[in-house]
Amino acid sequence: MADSTGRNDERGNTAIVVEDSALIELERLKFAQQRYASARVFVETNTASGMQLDYYYPHERIPLCLHATLAASTVFFERYLDSGRIQPVTGMHQQPLRAERVDHGIFIGVRSQRCTTLSIDVMETARLLRVKPSDALGCARSEPGTRTGRCKLPNEPPDAQSDPSQHAAGP
């Protein structure tokens, strides 16, 4: 286990680096809650991908923490002075990372990943926000004294008030 801080021991944002731990996820979370540091990273080097980084805040496991990635990279580069680059992956999503040592600095590269598709229930969102469903959709509001249509909610049948095609033509 190593602590990695900012520029010196008196200041910085502490991250704990734990290497080749046999702790399972719940034990890692408990460990994270018992140690004072803003982030913890568990480094596994016996994985098929080479080096895997598994990140924890005191309250939960997280998919990525660049601060903890920098801490783990610092530990690695201090140990292997001739190495200039490592390519770990994240534990949660196997996201490829790249850490490169250039002179006295370490640079972290992250490849983008596709976001998972979210299924959003407008009615539930509106209930949680305590607003009308049309407000949760971000529909334009009518100006006082005008007759603009209201938003149509998903799966809502058309009605004569909101569907202009249902209005009778002029006299």
N, C-alpha and C. Protein backbone atom coordinates (compact mmCIF):
# COMPACT_ATOMS: atom_id res chain seq x y z
N MET A 1 0.85 -1.17 0.00
CA MET A 1 0.00 0.00 0.00
C MET A 1 0.90 1.23 0.00
N ALA A 2 0.52 2.21 -0.81
CA ALA A 2 1.28 3.46 -0.89
C ALA A 2 0.32 4.62 -0.89
N ASP A 3 0.74 5.71 -0.26
CA ASP A 3 -0.03 6.96 -0.33
C ASP A 3 0.62 7.83 -1.38
N SER A 4 -0.18 8.43 -2.22
CA SER A 4 0.35 9.36 -3.20
C SER A 4 -0.33 10.70 -2.98
N THR A 5 0.47 11.73 -2.80
CA THR A 5 -0.10 13.04 -2.54
C THR A 5 0.31 14.01 -3.63
N GLY A 6 0.02 15.27 -3.41
CA GLY A 6 0.38 16.31 -4.36
C GLY A 6 1.88 16.48 -4.44
N ARG A 7 2.37 17.67 -4.30
CA ARG A 7 3.79 17.96 -4.47
C ARG A 7 4.66 17.59 -3.28
N ASN A 8 4.08 17.57 -2.09
CA ASN A 8 4.86 17.19 -0.91
C ASN A 8 3.93 16.62 0.15
N ASP A 9 4.49 16.21 1.27
CA ASP A 9 3.70 15.56 2.31
C ASP A 9 2.76 16.49 3.05
N GLU A 10 2.99 17.80 2.99
CA GLU A 10 2.16 18.73 3.73
C GLU A 10 0.89 19.12 2.99
N ARG A 11 0.85 18.94 1.71
CA ARG A 11 -0.35 19.32 0.97
C ARG A 11 -0.56 18.35 -0.19
N GLY A 12 -1.73 18.38 -0.72
CA GLY A 12 -2.05 17.48 -1.83
C GLY A 12 -3.32 16.74 -1.55
N ASN A 13 -3.75 16.01 -2.51
CA ASN A 13 -4.99 15.26 -2.46
C ASN A 13 -4.61 13.79 -2.37
N THR A 14 -4.71 13.21 -1.19
CA THR A 14 -4.21 11.86 -0.95
C THR A 14 -5.04 10.82 -1.67
N ALA A 15 -4.33 9.87 -2.27
CA ALA A 15 -4.96 8.69 -2.86
C ALA A 15 -4.18 7.49 -2.35
N ILE A 16 -4.87 6.45 -1.99
CA ILE A 16 -4.23 5.24 -1.51
C ILE A 16 -4.17 4.24 -2.66
N VAL A 17 -2.98 3.70 -2.89
CA VAL A 17 -2.76 2.70 -3.93
C VAL A 17 -2.52 1.36 -3.24
N VAL A 18 -3.36 0.37 -3.55
CA VAL A 18 -3.24 -0.96 -2.96
C VAL A 18 -2.96 -1.93 -4.11
N GLU A 19 -1.87 -2.66 -3.99
CA GLU A 19 -1.47 -3.56 -5.07
C GLU A 19 -1.78 -5.01 -4.73
N ASP A 20 -2.28 -5.73 -5.73
CA ASP A 20 -2.53 -7.18 -5.66
C ASP A 20 -3.22 -7.61 -4.36
N SER A 21 -4.32 -6.96 -4.06
CA SER A 21 -5.10 -7.27 -2.87
C SER A 21 -6.04 -8.43 -3.16
N ALA A 22 -6.26 -9.26 -2.15
CA ALA A 22 -7.20 -10.37 -2.28
C ALA A 22 -8.60 -9.98 -1.82
N LEU A 23 -8.81 -8.71 -1.48
CA LEU A 23 -10.11 -8.27 -0.99
C LEU A 23 -11.16 -8.30 -2.11
N ILE A 24 -12.37 -8.73 -1.75
CA ILE A 24 -13.48 -8.67 -2.71
C ILE A 24 -14.12 -7.28 -2.64
N GLU A 25 -15.08 -7.01 -3.52
CA GLU A 25 -15.64 -5.66 -3.65
C GLU A 25 -16.16 -5.09 -2.33
N LEU A 26 -16.95 -5.84 -1.58
CA LEU A 26 -17.48 -5.32 -0.32
C LEU A 26 -16.37 -5.05 0.69
N GLU A 27 -15.35 -5.87 0.71
CA GLU A 27 -14.22 -5.66 1.61
C GLU A 27 -13.42 -4.42 1.18
N ARG A 28 -13.31 -4.21 -0.12
CA ARG A 28 -12.61 -3.03 -0.63
C ARG A 28 -13.35 -1.76 -0.23
N LEU A 29 -14.67 -1.80 -0.32
CA LEU A 29 -15.46 -0.63 0.08
C LEU A 29 -15.29 -0.36 1.57
N LYS A 30 -15.31 -1.40 2.38
CA LYS A 30 -15.11 -1.23 3.82
C LYS A 30 -13.72 -0.65 4.09
N PHE A 31 -12.71 -1.14 3.39
CA PHE A 31 -11.35 -0.61 3.50
C PHE A 31 -11.34 0.88 3.16
N ALA A 32 -12.03 1.24 2.08
CA ALA A 32 -12.08 2.64 1.64
C ALA A 32 -12.74 3.52 2.70
N GLN A 33 -13.72 2.99 3.38
CA GLN A 33 -14.41 3.77 4.41
C GLN A 33 -13.57 3.95 5.67
N GLN A 34 -12.61 3.06 5.89
CA GLN A 34 -11.81 3.10 7.10
C GLN A 34 -10.51 3.89 6.96
N ARG A 35 -10.15 4.27 5.75
CA ARG A 35 -8.89 4.98 5.51
C ARG A 35 -9.17 6.40 5.07
N TYR A 36 -8.40 7.34 5.65
CA TYR A 36 -8.59 8.73 5.26
C TYR A 36 -7.83 9.02 3.97
N ALA A 37 -8.57 9.21 2.92
CA ALA A 37 -8.02 9.61 1.62
C ALA A 37 -9.21 9.92 0.74
N SER A 38 -9.01 10.79 -0.22
CA SER A 38 -10.13 11.13 -1.09
C SER A 38 -10.44 10.02 -2.08
N ALA A 39 -9.45 9.18 -2.40
CA ALA A 39 -9.68 8.09 -3.35
C ALA A 39 -8.76 6.93 -3.03
N ARG A 40 -9.20 5.74 -3.43
CA ARG A 40 -8.39 4.54 -3.30
C ARG A 40 -8.44 3.81 -4.61
N VAL A 41 -7.32 3.22 -4.99
CA VAL A 41 -7.28 2.43 -6.21
C VAL A 41 -6.62 1.10 -5.89
N PHE A 42 -7.27 0.03 -6.28
CA PHE A 42 -6.73 -1.32 -6.13
C PHE A 42 -6.15 -1.71 -7.48
N VAL A 43 -4.87 -2.04 -7.48
CA VAL A 43 -4.15 -2.36 -8.71
C VAL A 43 -3.98 -3.87 -8.78
N GLU A 44 -4.53 -4.44 -9.82
CA GLU A 44 -4.39 -5.88 -10.07
C GLU A 44 -3.51 -6.06 -11.29
N THR A 45 -2.43 -6.82 -11.14
CA THR A 45 -1.51 -7.00 -12.26
C THR A 45 -1.57 -8.40 -12.84
N ASN A 46 -2.43 -9.25 -12.31
CA ASN A 46 -2.51 -10.61 -12.80
C ASN A 46 -3.73 -10.84 -13.69
N THR A 47 -4.23 -9.80 -14.31
CA THR A 47 -5.40 -9.92 -15.17
C THR A 47 -4.98 -10.13 -16.61
N ALA A 48 -5.90 -10.60 -17.43
CA ALA A 48 -5.62 -10.83 -18.84
C ALA A 48 -5.24 -9.53 -19.56
N SER A 49 -5.75 -8.42 -19.06
CA SER A 49 -5.47 -7.13 -19.72
C SER A 49 -4.17 -6.50 -19.24
N GLY A 50 -3.45 -7.16 -18.35
CA GLY A 50 -2.21 -6.59 -17.83
C GLY A 50 -2.45 -5.95 -16.48
N MET A 51 -2.66 -4.64 -16.46
CA MET A 51 -2.90 -3.92 -15.21
C MET A 51 -4.33 -3.40 -15.20
N GLN A 52 -5.02 -3.70 -14.12
CA GLN A 52 -6.40 -3.24 -13.97
C GLN A 52 -6.49 -2.37 -12.73
N LEU A 53 -7.21 -1.23 -12.85
CA LEU A 53 -7.37 -0.29 -11.76
C LEU A 53 -8.84 -0.27 -11.32
N ASP A 54 -9.06 -0.53 -10.05
CA ASP A 54 -10.41 -0.59 -9.49
C ASP A 54 -10.52 0.51 -8.45
N TYR A 55 -11.45 1.47 -8.66
CA TYR A 55 -11.49 2.72 -7.89
C TYR A 55 -12.61 2.72 -6.84
N TYR A 56 -12.30 3.32 -5.70
CA TYR A 56 -13.28 3.43 -4.62
C TYR A 56 -13.20 4.80 -3.96
N TYR A 57 -14.37 5.39 -3.75
CA TYR A 57 -14.52 6.52 -2.84
C TYR A 57 -15.04 5.92 -1.53
N PRO A 58 -15.09 6.68 -0.46
CA PRO A 58 -15.58 6.09 0.79
C PRO A 58 -17.01 5.56 0.71
N HIS A 59 -17.84 6.09 -0.17
CA HIS A 59 -19.24 5.68 -0.21
C HIS A 59 -19.58 4.69 -1.32
N GLU A 60 -18.69 4.49 -2.32
CA GLU A 60 -19.02 3.55 -3.38
C GLU A 60 -17.84 3.27 -4.30
N ARG A 61 -17.98 2.18 -5.04
CA ARG A 61 -17.05 1.85 -6.11
C ARG A 61 -17.39 2.75 -7.29
N ILE A 62 -16.38 3.25 -7.98
CA ILE A 62 -16.63 4.18 -9.08
C ILE A 62 -15.94 3.70 -10.35
N PRO A 63 -16.43 4.12 -11.53
CA PRO A 63 -15.87 3.62 -12.79
C PRO A 63 -14.50 4.18 -13.15
N LEU A 64 -14.19 5.41 -12.73
CA LEU A 64 -12.94 6.03 -13.13
C LEU A 64 -12.59 7.15 -12.16
N CYS A 65 -11.31 7.25 -11.83
CA CYS A 65 -10.81 8.36 -11.01
C CYS A 65 -9.42 8.70 -11.53
N LEU A 66 -9.31 9.83 -12.21
CA LEU A 66 -8.04 10.22 -12.80
C LEU A 66 -6.99 10.51 -11.73
N HIS A 67 -7.42 11.06 -10.61
CA HIS A 67 -6.49 11.34 -9.51
C HIS A 67 -5.86 10.04 -9.01
N ALA A 68 -6.66 9.00 -8.82
CA ALA A 68 -6.13 7.71 -8.37
C ALA A 68 -5.31 7.03 -9.48
N THR A 69 -5.68 7.26 -10.73
CA THR A 69 -4.88 6.74 -11.85
C THR A 69 -3.49 7.36 -11.83
N LEU A 70 -3.43 8.65 -11.57
CA LEU A 70 -2.15 9.34 -11.46
C LEU A 70 -1.33 8.78 -10.29
N ALA A 71 -1.99 8.50 -9.18
CA ALA A 71 -1.30 7.94 -8.02
C ALA A 71 -0.72 6.56 -8.34
N ALA A 72 -1.52 5.70 -8.96
CA ALA A 72 -1.05 4.35 -9.32
C ALA A 72 0.09 4.43 -10.33
N SER A 73 -0.02 5.35 -11.27
CA SER A 73 1.04 5.53 -12.27
C SER A 73 2.33 6.02 -11.62
N THR A 74 2.21 6.90 -10.66
CA THR A 74 3.38 7.41 -9.94
C THR A 74 4.11 6.26 -9.24
N VAL A 75 3.35 5.40 -8.56
CA VAL A 75 3.94 4.24 -7.88
C VAL A 75 4.65 3.35 -8.91
N PHE A 76 4.00 3.08 -10.02
CA PHE A 76 4.59 2.22 -11.06
C PHE A 76 5.88 2.83 -11.61
N PHE A 77 5.84 4.10 -11.99
CA PHE A 77 7.02 4.73 -12.60
C PHE A 77 8.17 4.90 -11.61
N GLU A 78 7.87 5.05 -10.32
CA GLU A 78 8.94 5.11 -9.33
C GLU A 78 9.61 3.74 -9.18
N ARG A 79 8.86 2.69 -9.36
CA ARG A 79 9.40 1.34 -9.24
C ARG A 79 10.16 0.92 -10.51
N TYR A 80 9.62 1.29 -11.66
CA TYR A 80 10.21 0.89 -12.94
C TYR A 80 10.71 2.14 -13.65
N LEU A 81 11.91 2.55 -13.30
CA LEU A 81 12.46 3.82 -13.76
C LEU A 81 12.64 3.88 -15.28
N ASP A 82 12.84 2.74 -15.93
CA ASP A 82 13.06 2.73 -17.38
C ASP A 82 11.75 2.73 -18.18
N SER A 83 10.64 2.53 -17.53
CA SER A 83 9.35 2.51 -18.24
C SER A 83 8.87 3.93 -18.50
N GLY A 84 8.32 4.14 -19.67
CA GLY A 84 7.81 5.46 -20.01
C GLY A 84 6.31 5.48 -20.23
N ARG A 85 5.70 4.29 -20.35
CA ARG A 85 4.26 4.25 -20.64
C ARG A 85 3.66 2.95 -20.10
N ILE A 86 2.45 3.08 -19.56
CA ILE A 86 1.65 1.90 -19.19
C ILE A 86 0.26 2.09 -19.75
N GLN A 87 -0.42 0.96 -19.95
CA GLN A 87 -1.77 1.00 -20.50
C GLN A 87 -2.71 0.12 -19.68
N PRO A 88 -3.12 0.61 -18.51
CA PRO A 88 -4.06 -0.16 -17.70
C PRO A 88 -5.49 -0.04 -18.23
N VAL A 89 -6.37 -0.82 -17.65
CA VAL A 89 -7.81 -0.71 -17.94
C VAL A 89 -8.53 -0.51 -16.61
N THR A 90 -9.72 0.05 -16.67
CA THR A 90 -10.51 0.24 -15.46
C THR A 90 -11.20 -1.07 -15.08
N GLY A 91 -11.43 -1.23 -13.79
CA GLY A 91 -12.05 -2.45 -13.30
C GLY A 91 -13.52 -2.58 -13.65
N MET A 92 -14.27 -1.50 -13.59
CA MET A 92 -15.72 -1.59 -13.80
C MET A 92 -16.09 -1.81 -15.26
N HIS A 93 -15.48 -1.08 -16.17
CA HIS A 93 -15.91 -1.12 -17.58
C HIS A 93 -14.81 -1.50 -18.55
N GLN A 94 -13.67 -1.89 -18.03
CA GLN A 94 -12.53 -2.25 -18.89
C GLN A 94 -12.16 -1.13 -19.86
N GLN A 95 -12.31 0.11 -19.41
CA GLN A 95 -11.99 1.26 -20.24
C GLN A 95 -10.47 1.39 -20.36
N PRO A 96 -9.95 1.44 -21.59
CA PRO A 96 -8.50 1.57 -21.77
C PRO A 96 -8.01 2.95 -21.34
N LEU A 97 -6.89 2.95 -20.61
CA LEU A 97 -6.25 4.18 -20.18
C LEU A 97 -4.80 4.15 -20.66
N ARG A 98 -4.17 5.29 -20.64
CA ARG A 98 -2.74 5.36 -20.97
C ARG A 98 -2.10 6.36 -20.02
N ALA A 99 -1.02 5.93 -19.39
CA ALA A 99 -0.23 6.83 -18.54
C ALA A 99 1.16 6.91 -19.15
N GLU A 100 1.62 8.12 -19.32
CA GLU A 100 2.92 8.34 -19.96
C GLU A 100 3.75 9.30 -19.13
N ARG A 101 5.00 8.91 -18.92
CA ARG A 101 5.92 9.77 -18.19
C ARG A 101 6.70 10.60 -19.22
N VAL A 102 6.64 11.90 -19.06
CA VAL A 102 7.38 12.82 -19.93
C VAL A 102 8.15 13.76 -19.01
N ASP A 103 9.47 13.67 -19.07
CA ASP A 103 10.34 14.44 -18.18
C ASP A 103 9.94 14.17 -16.73
N HIS A 104 9.51 15.20 -16.01
CA HIS A 104 9.14 15.01 -14.61
C HIS A 104 7.62 14.97 -14.42
N GLY A 105 6.88 14.85 -15.51
CA GLY A 105 5.43 14.83 -15.41
C GLY A 105 4.85 13.50 -15.86
N ILE A 106 3.63 13.24 -15.42
CA ILE A 106 2.88 12.05 -15.84
C ILE A 106 1.59 12.55 -16.46
N PHE A 107 1.30 12.05 -17.65
CA PHE A 107 0.10 12.44 -18.37
C PHE A 107 -0.80 11.23 -18.53
N ILE A 108 -2.07 11.44 -18.28
CA ILE A 108 -3.06 10.36 -18.36
C ILE A 108 -3.92 10.58 -19.59
N GLY A 109 -4.08 9.53 -20.38
CA GLY A 109 -4.96 9.58 -21.55
C GLY A 109 -6.13 8.64 -21.35
N VAL A 110 -7.30 9.07 -21.77
CA VAL A 110 -8.52 8.29 -21.61
C VAL A 110 -9.22 8.21 -22.96
N ARG A 111 -9.60 7.03 -23.36
CA ARG A 111 -10.39 6.87 -24.58
C ARG A 111 -11.86 6.97 -24.22
N SER A 112 -12.60 7.58 -25.10
CA SER A 112 -14.03 7.72 -24.83
C SER A 112 -14.71 6.36 -24.92
N GLN A 113 -15.79 6.23 -24.21
CA GLN A 113 -16.61 5.03 -24.24
C GLN A 113 -18.03 5.42 -24.55
N ARG A 114 -18.73 4.52 -25.19
CA ARG A 114 -20.15 4.76 -25.46
C ARG A 114 -20.93 4.70 -24.15
N CYS A 115 -21.83 5.63 -23.99
CA CYS A 115 -22.70 5.62 -22.82
C CYS A 115 -23.78 4.58 -23.00
N THR A 116 -24.18 3.99 -21.92
CA THR A 116 -25.29 3.06 -21.99
C THR A 116 -26.57 3.84 -22.25
N THR A 117 -27.48 3.23 -22.96
CA THR A 117 -28.75 3.88 -23.26
C THR A 117 -29.59 3.95 -21.99
N LEU A 118 -30.08 5.12 -21.71
CA LEU A 118 -30.91 5.31 -20.53
C LEU A 118 -32.38 5.26 -20.92
N SER A 119 -33.15 4.60 -20.13
CA SER A 119 -34.59 4.59 -20.32
C SER A 119 -35.16 5.53 -19.27
N ILE A 120 -35.74 6.63 -19.74
CA ILE A 120 -36.24 7.65 -18.82
C ILE A 120 -37.76 7.64 -18.83
N ASP A 121 -38.33 7.46 -17.68
CA ASP A 121 -39.78 7.48 -17.52
C ASP A 121 -40.17 8.91 -17.14
N VAL A 122 -40.82 9.61 -18.07
CA VAL A 122 -41.16 11.02 -17.86
C VAL A 122 -42.08 11.19 -16.66
N MET A 123 -43.04 10.31 -16.52
CA MET A 123 -43.99 10.46 -15.41
C MET A 123 -43.27 10.30 -14.06
N GLU A 124 -42.38 9.32 -13.96
CA GLU A 124 -41.63 9.11 -12.72
C GLU A 124 -40.69 10.28 -12.45
N THR A 125 -40.03 10.78 -13.49
CA THR A 125 -39.13 11.93 -13.34
C THR A 125 -39.91 13.14 -12.84
N ALA A 126 -41.07 13.39 -13.42
CA ALA A 126 -41.90 14.52 -13.00
C ALA A 126 -42.34 14.35 -11.55
N ARG A 127 -42.71 13.13 -11.18
CA ARG A 127 -43.13 12.88 -9.80
C ARG A 127 -41.97 13.18 -8.83
N LEU A 128 -40.77 12.72 -9.17
CA LEU A 128 -39.62 12.95 -8.30
C LEU A 128 -39.26 14.43 -8.20
N LEU A 129 -39.44 15.15 -9.30
CA LEU A 129 -39.14 16.59 -9.31
C LEU A 129 -40.29 17.43 -8.80
N ARG A 130 -41.44 16.79 -8.61
CA ARG A 130 -42.66 17.47 -8.16
C ARG A 130 -43.07 18.58 -9.12
N VAL A 131 -43.06 18.22 -10.41
CA VAL A 131 -43.48 19.14 -11.46
C VAL A 131 -44.46 18.42 -12.37
N LYS A 132 -45.11 19.18 -13.25
CA LYS A 132 -45.98 18.59 -14.24
C LYS A 132 -45.12 17.83 -15.26
N PRO A 133 -45.62 16.73 -15.80
CA PRO A 133 -44.85 15.97 -16.78
C PRO A 133 -44.38 16.83 -17.96
N SER A 134 -45.21 17.77 -18.41
CA SER A 134 -44.81 18.61 -19.53
C SER A 134 -43.61 19.49 -19.15
N ASP A 135 -43.51 19.88 -17.88
CA ASP A 135 -42.36 20.66 -17.42
C ASP A 135 -41.09 19.81 -17.38
N ALA A 136 -41.25 18.53 -17.07
CA ALA A 136 -40.10 17.63 -17.04
C ALA A 136 -39.54 17.41 -18.45
N LEU A 137 -40.39 17.54 -19.47
CA LEU A 137 -39.94 17.39 -20.85
C LEU A 137 -39.24 18.63 -21.37
N GLY A 138 -39.40 19.75 -20.68
CA GLY A 138 -38.78 21.00 -21.13
C GLY A 138 -39.55 21.65 -22.26
N CYS A 139 -40.85 21.49 -22.30
CA CYS A 139 -41.68 22.09 -23.35
C CYS A 139 -41.81 23.59 -23.12
N ALA A 140 -41.94 24.30 -24.22
CA ALA A 140 -42.11 25.75 -24.13
C ALA A 140 -43.43 26.07 -23.46
N ARG A 141 -43.42 27.11 -22.68
CA ARG A 141 -44.65 27.54 -22.01
C ARG A 141 -45.37 28.58 -22.86
N SER A 142 -46.66 28.62 -22.72
CA SER A 142 -47.45 29.61 -23.45
C SER A 142 -47.29 30.97 -22.80
N GLU A 143 -47.22 31.98 -23.63
CA GLU A 143 -47.21 33.35 -23.11
C GLU A 143 -48.63 33.69 -22.70
N PRO A 144 -48.79 34.49 -21.65
CA PRO A 144 -50.15 34.87 -21.24
C PRO A 144 -50.91 35.52 -22.41
N GLY A 145 -52.13 35.08 -22.60
CA GLY A 145 -52.97 35.65 -23.64
C GLY A 145 -52.78 35.01 -25.01
N THR A 146 -51.88 34.02 -25.13
CA THR A 146 -51.70 33.35 -26.43
C THR A 146 -52.23 31.93 -26.33
N ARG A 147 -52.44 31.30 -27.49
CA ARG A 147 -52.94 29.94 -27.52
C ARG A 147 -51.93 29.03 -28.22
N THR A 148 -50.81 28.82 -27.59
CA THR A 148 -49.88 27.86 -28.16
C THR A 148 -50.19 26.50 -27.58
N GLY A 149 -49.88 25.46 -28.31
CA GLY A 149 -50.18 24.11 -27.86
C GLY A 149 -49.34 23.70 -26.67
N ARG A 150 -49.75 22.66 -26.01
CA ARG A 150 -48.97 22.13 -24.91
C ARG A 150 -48.21 20.90 -25.40
N CYS A 151 -47.26 20.46 -24.60
CA CYS A 151 -46.47 19.28 -24.98
C CYS A 151 -47.33 18.04 -24.95
N LYS A 152 -47.06 17.14 -25.87
CA LYS A 152 -47.73 15.85 -25.88
C LYS A 152 -46.81 14.87 -25.18
N LEU A 153 -47.33 14.21 -24.17
CA LEU A 153 -46.55 13.25 -23.42
C LEU A 153 -46.48 11.93 -24.19
N PRO A 154 -45.43 11.13 -23.94
CA PRO A 154 -45.34 9.83 -24.60
C PRO A 154 -46.57 8.99 -24.30
N ASN A 155 -47.07 8.29 -25.29
CA ASN A 155 -48.23 7.40 -25.18
C ASN A 155 -49.52 8.11 -24.79
N GLU A 156 -49.57 9.42 -25.02
CA GLU A 156 -50.78 10.17 -24.69
C GLU A 156 -51.63 10.27 -25.95
N PRO A 157 -52.92 9.92 -25.86
CA PRO A 157 -53.77 10.02 -27.06
C PRO A 157 -53.99 11.49 -27.42
N PRO A 158 -54.07 11.78 -28.71
CA PRO A 158 -54.33 13.16 -29.10
C PRO A 158 -55.71 13.61 -28.63
N ASP A 159 -55.84 14.89 -28.32
CA ASP A 159 -57.15 15.41 -27.98
C ASP A 159 -57.37 16.71 -28.77
N ALA A 160 -58.58 17.15 -28.77
CA ALA A 160 -58.93 18.31 -29.59
C ALA A 160 -58.23 19.58 -29.12
N GLN A 161 -57.87 19.68 -27.85
CA GLN A 161 -57.22 20.89 -27.36
C GLN A 161 -55.76 20.94 -27.75
N SER A 162 -55.09 19.78 -27.85
CA SER A 162 -53.66 19.81 -28.12
C SER A 162 -53.32 19.46 -29.55
N ASP A 163 -54.25 18.91 -30.32
CA ASP A 163 -53.96 18.51 -31.69
C ASP A 163 -54.60 19.49 -32.66
N PRO A 164 -53.80 20.36 -33.32
CA PRO A 164 -54.36 21.37 -34.22
C PRO A 164 -55.18 20.77 -35.35
N SER A 165 -54.91 19.54 -35.75
CA SER A 165 -55.68 18.94 -36.86
C SER A 165 -57.11 18.66 -36.46
N GLN A 166 -57.41 18.66 -35.16
CA GLN A 166 -58.76 18.42 -34.67
C GLN A 166 -59.62 19.68 -34.61
N HIS A 167 -58.97 20.85 -34.80
CA HIS A 167 -59.72 22.10 -34.76
C HIS A 167 -60.49 22.30 -36.06
N ALA A 168 -61.66 22.83 -35.95
CA ALA A 168 -62.46 23.07 -37.15
C ALA A 168 -61.88 24.25 -37.92
N ALA A 169 -62.02 24.19 -39.23
CA ALA A 169 -61.56 25.30 -40.06
C ALA A 169 -62.44 26.50 -39.82
N GLY A 170 -61.99 27.67 -40.24
CA GLY A 170 -62.68 28.93 -40.01
C GLY A 170 -64.12 28.93 -40.50
N PRO A 171 -64.87 30.02 -40.25
CA PRO A 171 -66.31 30.08 -40.58
C PRO A 171 -66.62 30.00 -42.03
